Amino acid sequence: MPDTGGRRKRGSEWKLSNAHEVGQLVRVQCGLCGVKRWYQPGDLKEIFGDIEAELVGRKMSCERCGKHDFMHVETQNPTARERQGIRVRRLAEIRMVRRVVWKDEN
């Protein structure tokens, strides 16, 4: 497995599929409240599609403070020792929610 050290491939974007192939994790941190979460790139790819890893932060909001403007995302390849202390959030299911939207007529 090639070690890219969290860097992009030269000449292309570093997508979630690339991070998944080399066994990286995605760290998402809120710059406002400081909460840090770890995700599998394959799970994020299933939700958002195969987008550039850095763009995931624009599509997520912090569960603690609710803000989405301050999300920082990076892919990392933690060592075995670091991995022991990391709690990785896994995708359990995707639910489709139907909501009624009313329109006022003039």
Protein backbone atom coordinates (compact mmCIF):
# COMPACT_ATOMS: atom_id res chain seq x y z
CA MET A 1 0.00 0.00 0.00
CA PRO A 2 1.57 3.32 -0.99
CA ASP A 3 1.95 5.85 1.80
CA THR A 4 0.98 9.30 0.60
CA GLY A 5 1.15 10.90 4.02
CA GLY A 6 -2.18 12.68 3.52
CA ARG A 7 -0.94 14.56 0.47
CA ARG A 8 -2.63 14.80 -2.89
CA LYS A 9 -1.50 12.86 -5.88
CA ARG A 10 0.43 15.06 -8.27
CA GLY A 11 -1.71 16.34 -11.12
CA SER A 12 -5.07 15.19 -9.77
CA GLU A 13 -7.52 15.72 -6.95
CA TRP A 14 -7.39 13.58 -3.83
CA LYS A 15 -10.84 12.04 -3.84
CA LEU A 16 -12.56 9.91 -1.24
CA SER A 17 -12.00 6.81 -3.38
CA ASN A 18 -8.24 7.50 -3.41
CA ALA A 19 -8.19 7.82 0.37
CA HIS A 20 -10.17 4.59 0.71
CA GLU A 21 -7.80 2.69 -1.60
CA VAL A 22 -4.72 3.54 0.47
CA GLY A 23 -6.43 2.94 3.83
CA GLN A 24 -6.63 6.51 5.07
CA LEU A 25 -9.16 7.97 7.49
CA VAL A 26 -10.93 11.30 7.15
CA ARG A 27 -10.66 13.67 10.13
CA VAL A 28 -13.36 16.35 10.33
CA GLN A 29 -12.87 19.08 12.92
CA CYS A 30 -15.01 22.08 13.76
CA GLY A 31 -12.88 25.21 13.93
CA LEU A 32 -15.43 26.92 16.17
CA CYS A 33 -16.06 24.44 18.99
CA GLY A 34 -13.12 22.08 18.36
CA VAL A 35 -15.02 18.78 18.14
CA LYS A 36 -13.10 16.19 16.12
CA ARG A 37 -14.61 13.17 14.37
CA TRP A 38 -13.05 10.37 12.30
CA TYR A 39 -14.76 8.68 9.34
CA GLN A 40 -14.08 5.96 6.80
CA PRO A 41 -13.73 7.52 3.32
CA GLY A 42 -15.93 4.79 1.83
CA ASP A 43 -18.82 5.77 4.11
CA LEU A 44 -18.51 9.44 3.17
CA LYS A 45 -18.30 8.47 -0.50
CA GLU A 46 -21.60 6.62 -0.18
CA ILE A 47 -23.26 9.76 1.24
CA PHE A 48 -21.69 12.56 -0.81
CA GLY A 49 -20.39 10.72 -3.89
CA ASP A 50 -16.77 10.50 -4.99
CA ILE A 51 -15.86 14.13 -4.33
CA GLU A 52 -12.55 15.71 -3.42
CA ALA A 53 -11.84 14.95 0.24
CA GLU A 54 -11.36 18.62 1.15
CA LEU A 55 -14.90 19.44 -0.08
CA VAL A 56 -16.54 17.19 2.52
CA GLY A 57 -16.35 19.99 5.09
CA ARG A 58 -18.59 22.20 2.94
CA LYS A 59 -21.28 19.53 2.96
CA MET A 60 -21.21 18.76 6.70
CA SER A 61 -22.25 20.74 9.74
CA CYS A 62 -21.02 20.33 13.31
CA GLU A 63 -23.26 18.14 15.46
CA ARG A 64 -22.34 20.10 18.57
CA CYS A 65 -22.68 23.76 17.52
CA GLY A 66 -24.63 23.35 14.27
CA LYS A 67 -22.31 25.57 12.21
CA HIS A 68 -20.96 24.51 8.83
CA ASP A 69 -18.71 27.44 7.97
CA PHE A 70 -15.77 26.34 10.10
CA MET A 71 -15.39 22.65 9.21
CA HIS A 72 -11.82 21.56 8.47
CA VAL A 73 -11.24 18.22 6.72
CA GLU A 74 -8.07 16.27 6.06
CA THR A 75 -7.17 12.72 5.18
CA GLN A 76 -4.66 11.01 7.43
CA ASN A 77 -2.88 7.70 7.59
CA PRO A 78 -2.56 7.14 11.36
CA THR A 79 -0.02 4.72 12.78
CA ALA A 80 -1.18 1.59 14.57
CA ARG A 81 -0.54 3.26 17.94
CA GLU A 82 -2.56 6.36 16.98
CA ARG A 83 -5.33 4.19 15.52
CA GLN A 84 -5.91 2.50 18.90
CA GLY A 85 -7.07 5.79 20.41
CA ILE A 86 -9.27 6.81 17.47
CA ARG A 87 -13.01 6.20 17.48
CA VAL A 88 -14.14 5.89 13.87
CA ARG A 89 -17.77 6.69 13.14
CA ARG A 90 -19.36 4.19 10.75
CA LEU A 91 -22.38 4.60 8.52
CA ALA A 92 -25.29 2.57 9.88
CA GLU A 93 -28.01 3.52 7.41
CA ILE A 94 -29.26 6.22 5.08
CA ARG A 95 -32.86 7.32 5.54
CA MET A 96 -34.91 9.25 3.05
CA VAL A 97 -37.20 11.75 4.76
CA ARG A 98 -40.29 13.14 3.06
CA ARG A 99 -41.44 16.56 4.21
CA VAL A 100 -44.50 18.55 3.28
CA VAL A 101 -43.72 22.01 1.92
CA TRP A 102 -46.62 24.45 1.69
CA LYS A 103 -46.87 27.31 -0.75
CA ASP A 104 -49.10 30.33 -0.15
CA GLU A 105 -51.08 31.46 -3.16
CA ASN A 106 -51.77 35.15 -3.63
